[in-house]
């Protein structure tokens, strides 16, 4: 089953939620999908979703310029940001062993160039 697209993710947010909160909801949903892909060791999917997330962030920046948030929405925004950051930290923790392995593989090549 294919992951939901941005329109489907935006529809999941409460329809009465401001557009800016719907943007944060979509980013949070994408970060959850990225985490699920990382848990499945599907790093190609993580990279694909990372690209989607970048597009969502660009859209969020446009919306943020035109839409201030009230206190309840600010609380929701902070809640979503915390979830996104927690997902990001978990993804990085899962990627770290792979990155360390890549560094070890590249180390002999670096030594040969410097020698």
Protein backbone atom coordinates (compact mmCIF):
# COMPACT_ATOMS: atom_id res chain seq x y z
CA UNK A 1 0.00 0.00 0.00
CA UNK A 2 1.41 3.37 -1.02
CA UNK A 3 1.90 6.03 1.65
CA UNK A 4 -0.69 8.81 1.63
CA UNK A 5 0.04 11.87 -0.44
CA UNK A 6 0.07 15.44 0.91
CA UNK A 7 -3.62 16.02 0.18
CA UNK A 8 -4.58 12.89 2.12
CA UNK A 9 -2.33 13.92 5.00
CA UNK A 10 -3.86 17.40 5.13
CA UNK A 11 -7.37 15.92 5.21
CA UNK A 12 -6.48 13.94 8.33
CA UNK A 13 -6.06 17.18 10.29
CA UNK A 14 -9.22 18.59 11.77
CA UNK A 15 -10.99 20.52 8.98
CA UNK A 16 -11.46 23.51 11.29
CA UNK A 17 -7.72 23.63 12.06
CA UNK A 18 -5.90 26.62 10.58
CA UNK A 19 -3.97 25.93 7.39
CA UNK A 20 -0.68 26.39 9.24
CA UNK A 21 -1.56 23.65 11.75
CA UNK A 22 -2.60 21.39 8.87
CA UNK A 23 0.88 21.97 7.41
CA UNK A 24 2.51 20.91 10.68
CA UNK A 25 0.18 17.88 10.85
CA UNK A 26 1.26 16.83 7.34
CA UNK A 27 4.94 17.18 8.25
CA UNK A 28 4.39 15.17 11.44
CA UNK A 29 2.61 12.45 9.45
CA UNK A 30 5.47 12.34 6.95
CA UNK A 31 8.01 12.13 9.77
CA UNK A 32 6.08 9.16 11.21
CA UNK A 33 6.20 7.49 7.79
CA UNK A 34 9.95 8.19 7.63
CA UNK A 35 10.40 6.59 11.05
CA UNK A 36 8.40 3.53 9.98
CA UNK A 37 10.58 3.23 6.86
CA UNK A 38 13.72 3.55 8.99
CA UNK A 39 12.46 0.79 11.29
CA UNK A 40 11.97 -1.35 8.17
CA UNK A 41 15.50 -0.45 6.97
CA UNK A 42 13.94 1.03 3.83
CA UNK A 43 16.39 3.89 3.47
CA UNK A 44 15.35 4.63 -0.12
CA UNK A 45 11.85 5.34 1.21
CA UNK A 46 13.30 7.48 4.02
CA UNK A 47 15.13 9.58 1.42
CA UNK A 48 12.01 9.86 -0.77
CA UNK A 49 9.91 10.95 2.20
CA UNK A 50 12.64 13.38 3.26
CA UNK A 51 12.18 15.08 -0.11
CA UNK A 52 8.43 15.25 0.45
CA UNK A 53 9.06 16.72 3.89
CA UNK A 54 11.26 19.40 2.35
CA UNK A 55 8.45 20.37 -0.01
CA UNK A 56 6.02 20.47 2.91
CA UNK A 57 8.35 22.71 4.89
CA UNK A 58 8.67 25.10 1.93
CA UNK A 59 4.87 25.28 1.77
CA UNK A 60 4.65 25.79 5.54
CA UNK A 61 7.02 28.77 5.28
CA UNK A 62 4.70 30.41 2.74
CA UNK A 63 1.61 29.80 4.86
CA UNK A 64 3.36 30.96 8.06
CA UNK A 65 3.88 34.43 6.61
CA UNK A 66 0.16 34.98 6.26
CA UNK A 67 -1.38 33.15 9.19
CA UNK A 68 -0.75 33.97 12.85
CA UNK A 69 -1.73 31.38 15.45
CA UNK A 70 -3.69 31.83 18.63
CA UNK A 71 -2.62 30.31 21.95
CA UNK A 72 -4.31 26.90 21.48
CA UNK A 73 -2.83 26.58 18.00
CA UNK A 74 0.61 27.57 19.31
CA UNK A 75 0.36 24.75 21.85
CA UNK A 76 -0.60 22.29 19.12
CA UNK A 77 2.28 23.57 16.96
CA UNK A 78 4.75 22.96 19.80
CA UNK A 79 3.30 19.48 20.37
CA UNK A 80 3.73 18.66 16.69
CA UNK A 81 7.27 20.08 16.59
CA UNK A 82 8.24 17.93 19.57
CA UNK A 83 6.87 14.83 17.85
CA UNK A 84 8.70 15.70 14.62
CA UNK A 85 11.98 16.24 16.50
CA UNK A 86 11.56 12.98 18.41
CA UNK A 87 10.97 11.10 15.16
CA UNK A 88 13.99 12.80 13.60
CA UNK A 89 16.18 11.84 16.56
CA UNK A 90 15.02 8.22 16.35
CA UNK A 91 15.67 8.11 12.60
CA UNK A 92 19.17 9.53 13.11
CA UNK A 93 19.86 7.00 15.86
CA UNK A 94 18.83 4.19 13.52
CA UNK A 95 20.94 5.62 10.67
CA UNK A 96 24.02 6.18 12.83
CA UNK A 97 25.40 2.61 12.69
CA UNK A 98 25.04 2.66 8.92
CA UNK A 99 26.84 6.01 8.71
CA UNK A 100 29.63 4.75 10.98
CA UNK A 101 29.99 1.66 8.78
CA UNK A 102 30.19 3.89 5.71
CA UNK A 103 32.89 6.00 7.39
CA UNK A 104 34.92 2.86 8.18
CA UNK A 105 34.59 1.72 4.57
CA UNK A 106 35.79 5.10 3.29
CA UNK A 107 38.65 5.43 5.80
CA UNK A 108 41.15 3.24 3.85
CA UNK A 109 40.42 5.24 0.73
CA UNK A 110 41.15 8.48 2.57
CA UNK A 111 44.41 7.09 3.95
CA UNK A 112 45.53 5.98 0.50
CA UNK A 113 44.93 9.47 -0.91
CA UNK A 114 46.81 11.14 1.93
CA UNK A 115 49.75 8.75 1.75
